[in-house]
N, C-alpha and C. Protein backbone atom coordinates (compact mmCIF):
# COMPACT_ATOMS: atom_id res chain seq x y z
N UNK A 1 32.71 -2.87 42.95
CA UNK A 1 31.62 -3.14 42.28
C UNK A 1 30.41 -2.37 42.60
N UNK A 2 29.48 -1.96 41.87
CA UNK A 2 28.39 -1.27 42.17
C UNK A 2 27.24 -1.53 41.36
N UNK A 3 25.91 -1.15 41.95
CA UNK A 3 24.60 -1.55 41.18
C UNK A 3 23.87 -0.30 40.94
N UNK A 4 23.41 -0.09 39.79
CA UNK A 4 22.50 1.04 39.51
C UNK A 4 21.27 0.58 38.92
N UNK A 5 20.21 0.85 39.42
CA UNK A 5 18.92 0.41 39.06
C UNK A 5 17.89 1.67 38.65
N UNK A 6 17.12 1.38 37.69
CA UNK A 6 16.11 2.65 37.30
C UNK A 6 14.74 2.37 38.02
N UNK A 7 14.77 1.32 38.81
CA UNK A 7 13.60 1.10 39.67
C UNK A 7 12.46 0.30 38.87
N UNK A 8 12.97 -0.25 37.74
CA UNK A 8 12.06 -1.03 36.88
C UNK A 8 12.37 -2.43 36.71
N UNK A 9 13.28 -2.75 37.82
CA UNK A 9 13.80 -4.17 37.81
C UNK A 9 15.06 -4.43 36.88
N UNK A 10 15.41 -3.34 36.14
CA UNK A 10 16.68 -3.45 35.40
C UNK A 10 17.86 -3.07 36.15
N UNK A 11 18.85 -3.75 36.32
CA UNK A 11 20.06 -3.55 37.10
C UNK A 11 21.23 -3.59 36.17
N UNK A 12 22.03 -2.69 36.44
CA UNK A 12 23.35 -2.66 35.58
C UNK A 12 24.47 -2.61 36.50
N UNK A 13 25.47 -3.54 36.20
CA UNK A 13 26.78 -3.53 37.31
C UNK A 13 27.81 -3.07 36.31
N UNK A 14 28.79 -2.27 37.02
CA UNK A 14 30.00 -1.87 36.50
C UNK A 14 29.88 -0.89 35.43
N UNK A 15 29.19 -1.08 34.25
CA UNK A 15 29.09 -0.31 33.15
C UNK A 15 27.69 0.42 33.14
N UNK A 16 27.32 0.87 34.23
CA UNK A 16 26.06 1.68 34.23
C UNK A 16 26.09 2.88 33.54
N UNK A 17 24.98 3.44 32.99
CA UNK A 17 24.83 4.65 32.26
C UNK A 17 23.54 5.15 32.64
N UNK A 18 23.36 6.37 32.26
CA UNK A 18 22.16 7.22 32.51
C UNK A 18 21.53 7.59 31.18
N UNK A 19 21.51 7.01 30.17
CA UNK A 19 20.99 7.31 28.75
C UNK A 19 19.46 7.13 28.82
N UNK A 20 18.84 6.58 29.79
CA UNK A 20 17.33 6.62 29.74
C UNK A 20 16.78 7.28 30.78
N UNK A 21 15.69 8.05 30.42
CA UNK A 21 14.97 9.01 31.40
C UNK A 21 14.41 8.23 32.59
N UNK A 22 14.34 8.93 33.68
CA UNK A 22 13.65 8.33 34.80
C UNK A 22 14.31 8.44 36.09
N UNK A 23 14.06 7.83 37.34
CA UNK A 23 14.60 7.86 38.48
C UNK A 23 15.45 6.83 38.71
N UNK A 24 16.68 7.11 39.09
CA UNK A 24 17.69 6.01 39.39
C UNK A 24 17.93 5.79 40.75
N UNK A 25 18.26 4.59 41.24
CA UNK A 25 18.48 4.39 42.62
C UNK A 25 19.87 3.81 42.75
N UNK A 26 20.68 4.30 43.58
CA UNK A 26 21.95 3.85 43.93
C UNK A 26 22.10 3.23 45.19
N UNK A 27 22.60 2.09 45.31
CA UNK A 27 22.86 1.31 46.65
C UNK A 27 24.39 0.77 46.77
N UNK A 28 24.81 1.27 47.94
CA UNK A 28 26.29 0.85 48.27
C UNK A 28 26.18 -0.13 49.28
N UNK A 29 26.68 -1.17 48.97
CA UNK A 29 26.78 -2.41 49.79
C UNK A 29 28.06 -3.12 50.02
N UNK A 30 27.99 -3.72 51.12
CA UNK A 30 29.32 -4.58 51.41
C UNK A 30 29.04 -5.94 50.79
N UNK A 31 29.61 -6.62 49.82
CA UNK A 31 29.42 -7.77 49.38
C UNK A 31 29.75 -8.76 50.45
N UNK A 32 30.86 -8.69 50.90
CA UNK A 32 31.41 -9.77 51.85
C UNK A 32 30.58 -9.92 53.08
N UNK A 33 30.00 -8.79 53.62
CA UNK A 33 29.24 -8.74 54.77
C UNK A 33 27.74 -8.85 54.30
N UNK A 34 27.34 -8.88 53.20
CA UNK A 34 25.93 -8.87 52.68
C UNK A 34 25.16 -7.72 53.43
N UNK A 35 25.87 -6.47 53.40
CA UNK A 35 25.22 -5.39 54.19
C UNK A 35 24.95 -4.18 53.26
N UNK A 36 23.85 -3.66 53.48
CA UNK A 36 23.63 -2.32 52.64
C UNK A 36 24.08 -1.17 53.52
N UNK A 37 25.04 -0.46 52.83
CA UNK A 37 25.84 0.61 53.52
C UNK A 37 25.15 1.94 53.41
N UNK A 38 24.33 2.24 52.33
CA UNK A 38 23.78 3.62 51.97
C UNK A 38 22.93 3.44 50.62
N UNK A 39 21.91 4.21 50.61
CA UNK A 39 21.08 4.20 49.45
C UNK A 39 20.84 5.83 49.15
N UNK A 40 20.69 6.05 47.78
CA UNK A 40 20.14 7.40 47.34
C UNK A 40 19.43 7.20 45.89
N UNK A 41 18.89 8.36 45.35
CA UNK A 41 18.39 8.30 44.14
C UNK A 41 18.53 9.59 43.56
N UNK A 42 18.41 9.75 42.09
CA UNK A 42 18.40 10.96 41.45
C UNK A 42 17.63 10.73 40.13
N UNK A 43 17.30 11.86 39.52
CA UNK A 43 16.38 11.82 38.27
C UNK A 43 17.32 12.14 37.17
N UNK A 44 16.92 11.68 36.08
CA UNK A 44 17.52 12.03 34.76
C UNK A 44 16.38 12.59 33.75
N UNK A 45 16.60 13.75 33.20
CA UNK A 45 15.64 14.17 32.22
C UNK A 45 16.29 14.89 31.04
N UNK A 46 15.47 15.63 30.39
CA UNK A 46 16.04 16.14 28.98
C UNK A 46 16.30 17.62 29.26
N UNK A 47 15.94 18.33 30.27
CA UNK A 47 15.96 19.82 30.55
C UNK A 47 16.73 19.94 31.80
N UNK A 48 17.40 21.12 32.10
CA UNK A 48 18.12 21.53 33.23
C UNK A 48 17.17 21.70 34.44
N UNK A 49 15.99 22.15 34.13
CA UNK A 49 14.99 22.36 35.18
C UNK A 49 13.53 21.82 34.74
N UNK A 50 12.69 21.80 35.71
CA UNK A 50 11.29 21.36 35.30
C UNK A 50 10.38 22.44 35.38
N UNK A 51 10.85 23.59 35.93
CA UNK A 51 9.94 24.83 35.87
C UNK A 51 10.73 26.05 35.47
N UNK A 52 10.08 26.90 34.62
CA UNK A 52 10.77 28.07 33.99
C UNK A 52 9.90 29.26 34.16
N UNK A 53 10.44 30.38 34.09
CA UNK A 53 9.76 31.68 33.86
C UNK A 53 9.95 32.24 32.50
N UNK A 54 9.24 33.01 31.91
CA UNK A 54 9.27 33.62 30.51
C UNK A 54 10.76 34.27 30.49
N UNK A 55 11.20 34.33 29.38
CA UNK A 55 12.59 34.86 29.07
C UNK A 55 13.83 34.05 29.48
N UNK A 56 13.57 32.87 30.20
CA UNK A 56 14.48 31.98 30.43
C UNK A 56 15.02 31.20 29.45
N UNK A 57 16.13 30.43 29.58
CA UNK A 57 16.63 29.51 28.54
C UNK A 57 16.46 28.10 28.96
N UNK A 58 15.85 27.24 28.13
CA UNK A 58 15.69 25.87 28.56
C UNK A 58 16.90 25.10 27.78
N UNK A 59 17.74 24.52 28.49
CA UNK A 59 18.82 23.78 28.04
C UNK A 59 18.35 22.26 28.03
N UNK A 60 18.56 21.83 26.69
CA UNK A 60 18.05 20.44 26.31
C UNK A 60 19.34 19.59 26.13
N UNK A 61 19.26 18.41 26.63
CA UNK A 61 20.37 17.42 26.46
C UNK A 61 19.76 15.91 26.52
N UNK A 62 20.18 15.20 25.50
CA UNK A 62 19.91 13.79 25.39
C UNK A 62 21.12 12.98 25.19
N UNK A 63 21.05 11.81 25.57
CA UNK A 63 22.33 10.95 25.33
C UNK A 63 22.05 9.61 25.01
N UNK A 64 22.92 8.78 24.55
CA UNK A 64 22.82 7.39 24.22
C UNK A 64 22.42 7.15 22.78
N UNK A 65 22.94 8.14 22.02
CA UNK A 65 22.82 7.85 20.57
C UNK A 65 24.11 7.58 19.81
N UNK A 66 23.99 7.29 18.56
CA UNK A 66 25.13 6.97 17.79
C UNK A 66 25.76 8.24 17.30
N UNK A 67 27.16 8.39 17.08
CA UNK A 67 27.83 9.51 16.62
C UNK A 67 27.09 9.96 15.34
N UNK A 68 26.89 11.28 15.27
CA UNK A 68 26.29 11.95 14.03
C UNK A 68 24.95 11.57 13.57
N UNK A 69 24.36 10.87 14.59
CA UNK A 69 22.98 10.47 14.36
C UNK A 69 22.11 11.61 14.43
N UNK A 70 21.05 11.66 13.53
CA UNK A 70 20.16 12.84 13.34
C UNK A 70 18.93 12.50 14.20
N UNK A 71 18.66 13.54 15.24
CA UNK A 71 17.54 13.39 16.10
C UNK A 71 16.80 14.48 16.01
N UNK A 72 15.34 14.23 15.78
CA UNK A 72 14.36 15.23 15.96
C UNK A 72 14.04 15.78 17.20
N UNK A 73 14.03 17.10 17.29
CA UNK A 73 13.76 17.80 18.62
C UNK A 73 12.32 18.36 18.30
N UNK A 74 11.31 17.73 19.15
CA UNK A 74 9.98 18.37 19.07
C UNK A 74 9.48 18.98 20.39
N UNK A 75 8.85 20.05 20.36
CA UNK A 75 8.36 20.64 21.54
C UNK A 75 6.75 21.11 21.19
N UNK A 76 5.87 20.68 22.03
CA UNK A 76 4.48 21.03 21.98
C UNK A 76 3.89 21.56 23.26
N UNK A 77 2.93 22.42 23.15
CA UNK A 77 2.07 22.81 24.17
C UNK A 77 0.76 22.28 23.92
N UNK A 78 0.36 21.07 24.70
CA UNK A 78 -0.71 20.30 24.50
C UNK A 78 -0.49 19.69 23.19
N UNK A 79 -1.59 19.85 22.16
CA UNK A 79 -1.40 19.28 20.88
C UNK A 79 -0.81 20.36 19.75
N UNK A 80 -0.48 21.48 20.26
CA UNK A 80 -0.07 22.66 19.41
C UNK A 80 1.45 22.69 19.21
N UNK A 81 1.90 22.84 18.03
CA UNK A 81 3.48 22.90 17.78
C UNK A 81 3.87 24.16 18.38
N UNK A 82 5.06 24.28 18.89
CA UNK A 82 5.71 25.62 19.32
C UNK A 82 6.44 26.14 18.16
N UNK A 83 6.36 27.40 17.98
CA UNK A 83 7.18 27.97 17.00
C UNK A 83 8.59 27.72 17.04
N UNK A 84 9.30 27.46 15.84
CA UNK A 84 10.61 26.84 15.70
C UNK A 84 10.77 25.49 15.94
N UNK A 85 9.86 24.76 16.17
CA UNK A 85 9.86 23.29 16.30
C UNK A 85 8.84 22.75 15.40
N UNK A 86 9.11 21.31 14.91
CA UNK A 86 10.45 20.50 15.35
C UNK A 86 11.58 20.84 14.52
N UNK A 87 12.80 20.48 14.94
CA UNK A 87 13.99 20.77 14.32
C UNK A 87 14.90 19.59 14.44
N UNK A 88 15.94 19.56 13.64
CA UNK A 88 16.88 18.55 13.84
C UNK A 88 18.21 18.86 14.21
N UNK A 89 18.80 17.84 15.05
CA UNK A 89 20.22 18.07 15.61
C UNK A 89 21.00 16.76 15.43
N UNK A 90 22.31 17.01 15.28
CA UNK A 90 23.12 15.71 15.08
C UNK A 90 23.85 15.45 16.37
N UNK A 91 23.90 14.15 16.72
CA UNK A 91 24.64 13.81 17.97
C UNK A 91 26.16 14.15 17.83
N UNK A 92 26.81 14.53 18.87
CA UNK A 92 28.12 14.80 18.79
C UNK A 92 28.93 13.48 19.07
N UNK A 93 30.32 13.52 19.06
CA UNK A 93 31.11 12.42 19.19
C UNK A 93 30.83 11.55 20.43
N UNK A 94 30.17 12.00 21.32
CA UNK A 94 29.92 11.19 22.49
C UNK A 94 28.59 10.74 22.44
N UNK A 95 27.81 10.91 21.41
CA UNK A 95 26.48 10.40 21.22
C UNK A 95 25.53 11.33 22.00
N UNK A 96 25.85 12.43 22.21
CA UNK A 96 24.94 13.50 23.03
C UNK A 96 24.35 14.30 22.11
N UNK A 97 23.10 14.76 22.22
CA UNK A 97 22.35 15.71 21.58
C UNK A 97 22.08 16.83 22.44
N UNK A 98 22.45 18.20 21.98
CA UNK A 98 22.23 19.33 22.77
C UNK A 98 21.52 20.38 22.03
N UNK A 99 20.59 21.09 22.63
CA UNK A 99 19.92 22.24 22.03
C UNK A 99 19.46 23.14 23.12
N UNK A 100 18.86 24.32 22.70
CA UNK A 100 18.36 25.24 23.75
C UNK A 100 17.16 25.93 23.17
N UNK A 101 16.33 26.57 23.96
CA UNK A 101 15.09 27.29 23.61
C UNK A 101 14.89 28.38 24.53
N UNK A 102 15.05 29.61 23.97
CA UNK A 102 14.66 30.80 24.75
C UNK A 102 13.27 31.11 24.81
N UNK A 103 12.64 31.02 25.99
CA UNK A 103 11.30 31.12 26.13
C UNK A 103 10.60 32.69 25.74
N UNK A 104 9.84 32.76 24.89
CA UNK A 104 9.41 33.97 24.49
C UNK A 104 8.62 34.70 25.63
N UNK A 105 8.78 36.08 25.59
CA UNK A 105 8.01 36.95 26.73
C UNK A 105 6.57 36.76 26.68
N UNK A 106 5.89 36.26 25.53
CA UNK A 106 4.53 36.20 25.51
C UNK A 106 4.09 34.66 25.49
N UNK A 107 5.08 33.65 25.91
CA UNK A 107 4.73 32.18 25.80
C UNK A 107 3.56 31.99 26.71
N UNK A 108 2.71 31.00 26.36
CA UNK A 108 1.49 30.73 27.23
C UNK A 108 2.01 29.88 28.32
N UNK A 109 1.50 30.17 29.48
CA UNK A 109 1.74 29.55 30.67
C UNK A 109 1.10 28.11 30.71
N UNK A 110 1.89 27.12 31.34
CA UNK A 110 1.36 25.79 31.30
C UNK A 110 2.32 24.61 31.05
N UNK A 111 1.93 23.54 30.61
CA UNK A 111 2.86 22.31 30.67
C UNK A 111 3.38 22.13 29.15
N UNK A 112 4.49 22.03 28.93
CA UNK A 112 5.06 21.65 27.58
C UNK A 112 5.82 20.23 27.55
N UNK A 113 5.74 19.76 26.37
CA UNK A 113 6.18 18.38 26.26
C UNK A 113 7.39 18.41 25.24
N UNK A 114 8.50 17.94 25.68
CA UNK A 114 9.74 17.99 24.82
C UNK A 114 10.00 16.46 24.53
N UNK A 115 10.30 16.06 23.36
CA UNK A 115 10.45 14.88 22.77
C UNK A 115 11.56 14.76 21.80
N UNK A 116 12.62 13.74 22.05
CA UNK A 116 13.75 13.66 21.04
C UNK A 116 13.49 12.23 20.44
N UNK A 117 13.49 12.12 19.18
CA UNK A 117 13.36 10.89 18.36
C UNK A 117 14.51 10.81 17.29
N UNK A 118 15.08 9.57 17.17
CA UNK A 118 16.04 9.29 16.24
C UNK A 118 15.36 9.24 14.81
N UNK A 119 16.03 9.95 13.77
CA UNK A 119 15.35 9.85 12.41
C UNK A 119 16.36 9.28 11.41
N UNK A 120 17.33 8.55 11.97
CA UNK A 120 18.39 7.91 11.16
C UNK A 120 17.93 6.60 10.90
N UNK A 121 17.94 6.15 9.65
CA UNK A 121 17.46 4.72 9.37
C UNK A 121 18.27 3.68 10.07
N UNK A 122 17.81 2.71 10.73
CA UNK A 122 18.42 1.69 11.61
C UNK A 122 19.19 2.37 12.60
N UNK A 123 18.73 3.45 13.14
CA UNK A 123 19.40 4.19 14.19
C UNK A 123 19.11 3.63 15.53
N UNK A 124 19.40 4.43 16.64
CA UNK A 124 19.05 4.13 18.00
C UNK A 124 17.53 4.14 18.37
N UNK A 125 17.04 2.92 18.86
CA UNK A 125 15.72 2.83 19.30
C UNK A 125 15.72 2.61 20.79
N UNK A 126 15.42 3.48 21.63
CA UNK A 126 15.43 3.25 23.05
C UNK A 126 14.19 2.63 23.56
N UNK A 127 14.40 1.77 24.63
CA UNK A 127 13.26 0.95 25.12
C UNK A 127 12.33 1.94 25.78
N UNK A 128 12.74 3.12 26.33
CA UNK A 128 11.83 4.10 26.83
C UNK A 128 12.07 5.38 25.97
N UNK A 129 10.92 6.01 25.53
CA UNK A 129 11.04 7.30 24.74
C UNK A 129 11.67 8.34 25.63
N UNK A 130 12.38 9.24 24.71
CA UNK A 130 13.08 10.51 25.26
C UNK A 130 11.88 11.61 25.14
N UNK A 131 11.15 11.52 26.28
CA UNK A 131 9.97 12.53 26.31
C UNK A 131 9.82 12.90 27.64
N UNK A 132 9.58 14.27 27.85
CA UNK A 132 9.59 14.88 29.14
C UNK A 132 8.76 16.22 29.36
N UNK A 133 8.01 16.31 30.27
CA UNK A 133 7.19 17.61 30.46
C UNK A 133 7.91 18.75 31.24
N UNK A 134 7.82 19.99 30.99
CA UNK A 134 8.23 20.78 32.01
C UNK A 134 7.23 21.98 31.87
N UNK A 135 7.30 23.00 33.08
CA UNK A 135 6.25 23.96 33.05
C UNK A 135 6.70 25.40 32.94
N UNK A 136 6.06 26.12 32.36
CA UNK A 136 6.29 27.56 32.27
C UNK A 136 5.28 28.26 33.16
N UNK A 137 5.90 29.04 34.11
CA UNK A 137 5.14 29.63 35.11
C UNK A 137 4.90 31.08 35.19
N UNK A 138 4.11 31.78 35.62
CA UNK A 138 4.08 33.25 35.59
C UNK A 138 4.40 33.96 37.00
N UNK A 139 4.71 35.29 36.90
CA UNK A 139 4.97 35.98 38.17
C UNK A 139 3.63 36.78 38.43
N UNK A 140 3.17 36.63 39.59
CA UNK A 140 1.92 37.30 40.04
C UNK A 140 2.30 38.24 41.25
N UNK A 141 2.26 39.56 41.06
CA UNK A 141 2.52 40.56 42.33
C UNK A 141 1.13 40.97 42.81
N UNK A 142 0.98 40.86 44.22
CA UNK A 142 -0.16 41.35 44.92
C UNK A 142 0.08 42.46 45.64
N UNK A 143 -0.57 43.46 45.51
CA UNK A 143 -0.45 44.63 46.32
C UNK A 143 -1.66 44.88 47.27
N UNK A 144 -1.55 45.10 48.55
CA UNK A 144 -2.55 44.89 49.60
C UNK A 144 -2.77 46.48 49.91
N UNK A 145 -4.00 46.97 49.79
CA UNK A 145 -4.36 48.33 50.27
C UNK A 145 -5.49 48.34 51.10
N UNK A 146 -5.38 49.14 52.00
CA UNK A 146 -6.59 49.31 53.04
C UNK A 146 -7.74 50.18 52.43
N UNK A 147 -8.77 50.47 53.36
CA UNK A 147 -9.92 51.38 52.78
C UNK A 147 -9.58 52.78 52.50
N UNK A 148 -8.40 53.24 53.01
CA UNK A 148 -7.87 54.57 52.76
C UNK A 148 -7.04 54.57 51.56
N UNK A 149 -7.00 53.42 50.92
CA UNK A 149 -6.00 53.26 49.63
C UNK A 149 -4.57 53.42 50.08
N UNK A 150 -4.11 52.97 51.32
CA UNK A 150 -2.95 53.11 51.76
C UNK A 150 -2.31 51.66 51.76
N UNK A 151 -0.98 51.52 51.39
CA UNK A 151 -0.41 50.07 51.42
C UNK A 151 -0.36 49.62 52.73
N UNK A 152 -0.34 48.31 52.92
CA UNK A 152 -0.45 47.60 54.21
C UNK A 152 0.79 46.53 54.37
N UNK A 153 1.60 46.59 55.06
CA UNK A 153 2.73 45.61 55.36
C UNK A 153 2.29 44.70 56.28
N UNK A 154 3.08 43.49 56.21
CA UNK A 154 2.69 42.42 57.12
C UNK A 154 1.35 41.64 57.09
N UNK A 155 0.79 41.84 55.79
CA UNK A 155 -0.43 40.93 55.72
C UNK A 155 -0.19 39.76 55.11
N UNK A 156 -0.83 38.71 55.90
CA UNK A 156 -0.72 37.29 55.19
C UNK A 156 -1.40 36.98 54.13
N UNK A 157 -1.05 36.79 52.89
CA UNK A 157 -1.56 36.46 51.78
C UNK A 157 -1.53 35.02 51.30
N UNK A 158 -2.74 34.33 51.35
CA UNK A 158 -2.65 32.91 51.00
C UNK A 158 -3.34 32.82 49.46
N UNK A 159 -2.63 31.92 48.70
CA UNK A 159 -3.19 31.57 47.26
C UNK A 159 -3.78 30.21 47.26
N UNK A 160 -5.07 30.13 47.15
CA UNK A 160 -5.88 28.94 47.10
C UNK A 160 -6.05 28.62 45.67
N UNK A 161 -5.99 27.28 45.34
CA UNK A 161 -6.34 26.64 44.10
C UNK A 161 -7.94 26.69 43.96
N UNK A 162 -8.36 27.47 43.13
CA UNK A 162 -9.89 27.69 42.94
C UNK A 162 -10.46 26.30 42.63
N UNK A 163 -9.82 25.35 41.93
CA UNK A 163 -10.51 24.16 41.36
C UNK A 163 -10.42 23.02 42.60
N UNK A 164 -9.18 23.00 43.27
CA UNK A 164 -9.15 21.71 44.21
C UNK A 164 -9.50 22.32 45.75
N UNK A 165 -9.38 23.62 45.92
CA UNK A 165 -9.71 24.25 47.11
C UNK A 165 -8.59 24.11 48.18
N UNK A 166 -7.36 23.82 47.88
CA UNK A 166 -6.05 23.61 48.57
C UNK A 166 -5.33 24.98 48.44
N UNK A 167 -4.57 25.29 49.55
CA UNK A 167 -3.66 26.25 49.59
C UNK A 167 -2.52 25.97 48.70
N UNK A 168 -2.09 26.89 47.90
CA UNK A 168 -1.09 26.66 46.84
C UNK A 168 0.19 27.22 47.54
N UNK A 169 0.25 28.60 47.82
CA UNK A 169 1.35 29.21 48.51
C UNK A 169 0.86 30.17 49.41
N UNK A 170 1.73 30.79 50.22
CA UNK A 170 1.43 31.85 51.15
C UNK A 170 2.75 32.60 51.54
N UNK A 171 2.48 34.00 51.79
CA UNK A 171 3.55 34.75 52.17
C UNK A 171 3.17 36.14 52.65
N UNK A 172 3.96 37.02 53.51
CA UNK A 172 3.49 38.29 53.97
C UNK A 172 3.90 39.36 52.93
N UNK A 173 3.18 40.41 53.02
CA UNK A 173 3.42 41.68 52.25
C UNK A 173 4.61 42.35 52.90
N UNK A 174 5.52 42.99 52.10
CA UNK A 174 6.67 43.67 52.59
C UNK A 174 6.23 44.99 52.83
N UNK A 175 7.21 46.03 53.01
CA UNK A 175 6.99 47.36 53.56
C UNK A 175 6.26 48.22 52.32
N UNK A 176 6.29 47.71 51.16
CA UNK A 176 5.73 48.36 50.07
C UNK A 176 4.23 47.82 49.85
N UNK A 177 3.82 46.79 50.72
CA UNK A 177 2.44 46.33 50.61
C UNK A 177 2.41 45.13 49.39
N UNK A 178 3.60 44.80 49.04
CA UNK A 178 3.65 43.84 47.82
C UNK A 178 4.06 42.36 48.35
N UNK A 179 3.53 41.41 47.68
CA UNK A 179 3.95 39.95 47.90
C UNK A 179 4.00 39.51 46.56
N UNK A 180 5.08 38.48 46.25
CA UNK A 180 5.17 37.95 44.90
C UNK A 180 5.05 36.47 44.95
N UNK A 181 4.31 36.08 43.95
CA UNK A 181 4.28 34.58 43.84
C UNK A 181 4.52 34.16 42.41
N UNK A 182 4.98 32.85 42.32
CA UNK A 182 5.17 32.32 40.98
C UNK A 182 4.13 31.16 40.82
N UNK A 183 3.32 31.29 39.81
CA UNK A 183 2.15 30.40 39.60
C UNK A 183 2.11 29.87 38.17
N UNK A 184 1.53 28.69 38.18
CA UNK A 184 1.25 28.14 36.91
C UNK A 184 -0.07 28.82 36.42
N UNK A 185 -0.36 28.46 35.05
CA UNK A 185 -1.74 29.09 34.71
C UNK A 185 -2.88 28.34 35.33
N UNK A 186 -3.81 29.03 35.66
CA UNK A 186 -5.04 28.42 36.32
C UNK A 186 -5.86 29.49 37.14
N UNK A 187 -6.82 28.93 37.99
CA UNK A 187 -7.72 29.83 38.64
C UNK A 187 -7.34 29.88 39.98
N UNK A 188 -7.40 30.94 40.65
CA UNK A 188 -6.84 30.99 42.01
C UNK A 188 -7.81 31.90 42.74
N UNK A 189 -7.74 31.71 44.20
CA UNK A 189 -8.48 32.70 45.08
C UNK A 189 -7.39 33.14 46.01
N UNK A 190 -7.14 34.69 46.12
CA UNK A 190 -6.18 35.23 46.96
C UNK A 190 -6.93 35.67 48.25
N UNK A 191 -6.57 35.28 49.30
CA UNK A 191 -7.10 35.62 50.67
C UNK A 191 -6.02 36.38 51.59
N UNK A 192 -6.56 37.44 52.07
CA UNK A 192 -5.70 38.41 52.98
C UNK A 192 -6.15 38.15 54.46
N UNK A 193 -5.08 37.89 55.32
CA UNK A 193 -5.45 37.57 56.68
C UNK A 193 -4.67 38.65 57.58
N UNK A 194 -5.40 39.15 58.72
CA UNK A 194 -4.81 40.02 59.70
C UNK A 194 -5.31 39.39 60.90
N UNK A 195 -4.21 39.06 61.73
CA UNK A 195 -4.49 38.31 62.99
C UNK A 195 -5.40 37.26 62.84
N UNK A 196 -5.23 36.31 61.94
CA UNK A 196 -5.95 35.19 61.61
C UNK A 196 -7.35 35.41 61.03
N UNK A 197 -7.79 36.56 60.89
CA UNK A 197 -9.03 36.98 60.37
C UNK A 197 -8.94 37.40 58.71
N UNK A 198 -9.84 36.69 58.01
CA UNK A 198 -10.03 37.04 56.63
C UNK A 198 -10.44 38.52 56.33
N UNK A 199 -9.61 39.30 55.79
CA UNK A 199 -9.83 40.79 55.63
C UNK A 199 -10.06 41.20 54.14
N UNK A 200 -9.75 40.21 53.27
CA UNK A 200 -9.79 40.31 51.77
C UNK A 200 -9.90 39.27 51.15
N UNK A 201 -10.62 39.16 49.84
CA UNK A 201 -10.43 37.98 48.99
C UNK A 201 -10.77 38.37 47.58
N UNK A 202 -10.06 37.60 46.78
CA UNK A 202 -10.37 38.01 45.20
C UNK A 202 -10.13 36.82 44.44
N UNK A 203 -10.88 36.56 43.33
CA UNK A 203 -10.63 35.49 42.57
C UNK A 203 -9.95 35.96 41.23
N UNK A 204 -8.95 35.29 40.72
CA UNK A 204 -8.30 35.74 39.59
C UNK A 204 -7.80 34.51 38.68
N UNK A 205 -7.98 34.74 37.37
CA UNK A 205 -7.47 33.69 36.34
C UNK A 205 -6.20 34.09 36.13
N UNK A 206 -5.13 33.17 36.24
CA UNK A 206 -3.78 33.44 35.67
C UNK A 206 -3.39 32.86 34.52
N UNK A 207 -3.14 33.82 33.37
CA UNK A 207 -2.66 33.36 32.16
C UNK A 207 -1.43 34.06 31.70
N UNK A 208 -0.97 34.99 32.56
CA UNK A 208 0.27 35.68 32.19
C UNK A 208 0.81 36.39 33.52
N UNK A 209 2.02 37.03 33.29
CA UNK A 209 2.43 37.89 34.38
C UNK A 209 1.32 38.80 34.81
N UNK A 210 1.04 38.92 36.17
CA UNK A 210 -0.09 39.60 36.55
C UNK A 210 0.20 40.60 37.60
N UNK A 211 -0.27 41.79 37.75
CA UNK A 211 -0.16 42.70 39.07
C UNK A 211 -1.68 42.87 39.59
N UNK A 212 -1.76 42.36 40.75
CA UNK A 212 -3.12 42.23 41.29
C UNK A 212 -3.25 43.10 42.59
N UNK A 213 -4.43 43.98 42.49
CA UNK A 213 -4.77 44.76 43.62
C UNK A 213 -5.67 44.05 44.41
N UNK A 214 -5.35 43.79 45.85
CA UNK A 214 -6.11 43.11 46.68
C UNK A 214 -6.57 44.04 47.90
N UNK A 215 -7.68 44.71 47.83
CA UNK A 215 -8.30 45.61 48.91
C UNK A 215 -8.62 44.87 50.15
N UNK A 216 -8.49 45.41 51.17
CA UNK A 216 -8.67 44.68 52.53
C UNK A 216 -9.61 45.58 53.40
N UNK A 217 -10.32 45.03 54.29
CA UNK A 217 -11.45 45.88 54.99
C UNK A 217 -10.58 46.26 56.39
N UNK A 218 -9.56 47.08 56.09
CA UNK A 218 -8.77 47.58 57.20
C UNK A 218 -8.80 49.09 57.04
N UNK A 219 -8.66 49.82 58.10
CA UNK A 219 -8.42 51.24 58.16
C UNK A 219 -7.57 51.74 59.21
N UNK A 220 -7.38 53.00 59.41
CA UNK A 220 -6.71 53.62 60.58
C UNK A 220 -7.58 54.59 61.42
N UNK A 221 -7.19 55.05 62.47
CA UNK A 221 -8.00 56.07 63.24
C UNK A 221 -8.20 57.54 62.67
N UNK A 222 -7.25 57.68 61.58
CA UNK A 222 -7.34 58.96 60.74
C UNK A 222 -8.71 59.09 60.12
């Protein structure tokens, strides 16, 4: 015997399923000894990932529908419709709806909302909607050069969120003076550090794949 809970007070025994979106909690316990042996959790969504890059494929899957039921697949960026959506898909023999979307090379960076809705009369109505957000991120390459316009390796570059003022990510430049970050659309401040001293800083709005030159106040004895 086992117990599977979505964390909302709803508990299923023996015939548990994952047809609703959300976080599921699993508890393994000894009934005779009234003892909890192990616990874990996992999330169920509509897509295979929550973050994507341009040109990647978003695999879409929804379950818990009736066989051959017609389901509307809708994708929006904010309130704007995404090209090619909405469209209809029929559930297979297992009540599963599958679809996919190849992200265009010029897709706007940011948060997208995917929704599956039954359109068959007297069809499946779920207590929780099949709706989920995912993010399309951009690649930002930063090249660090000194005052002599030479590439500089081993420089720590921090990416600060210009709105919140918190460090987003950080890494060091490689032998080509490059460092690569995956960022959502937004406003950022790039800071370069050499021996814990700020030697360069640049503000940048990220809306697409970007290559950024970050000059630093360093040189050599030549």
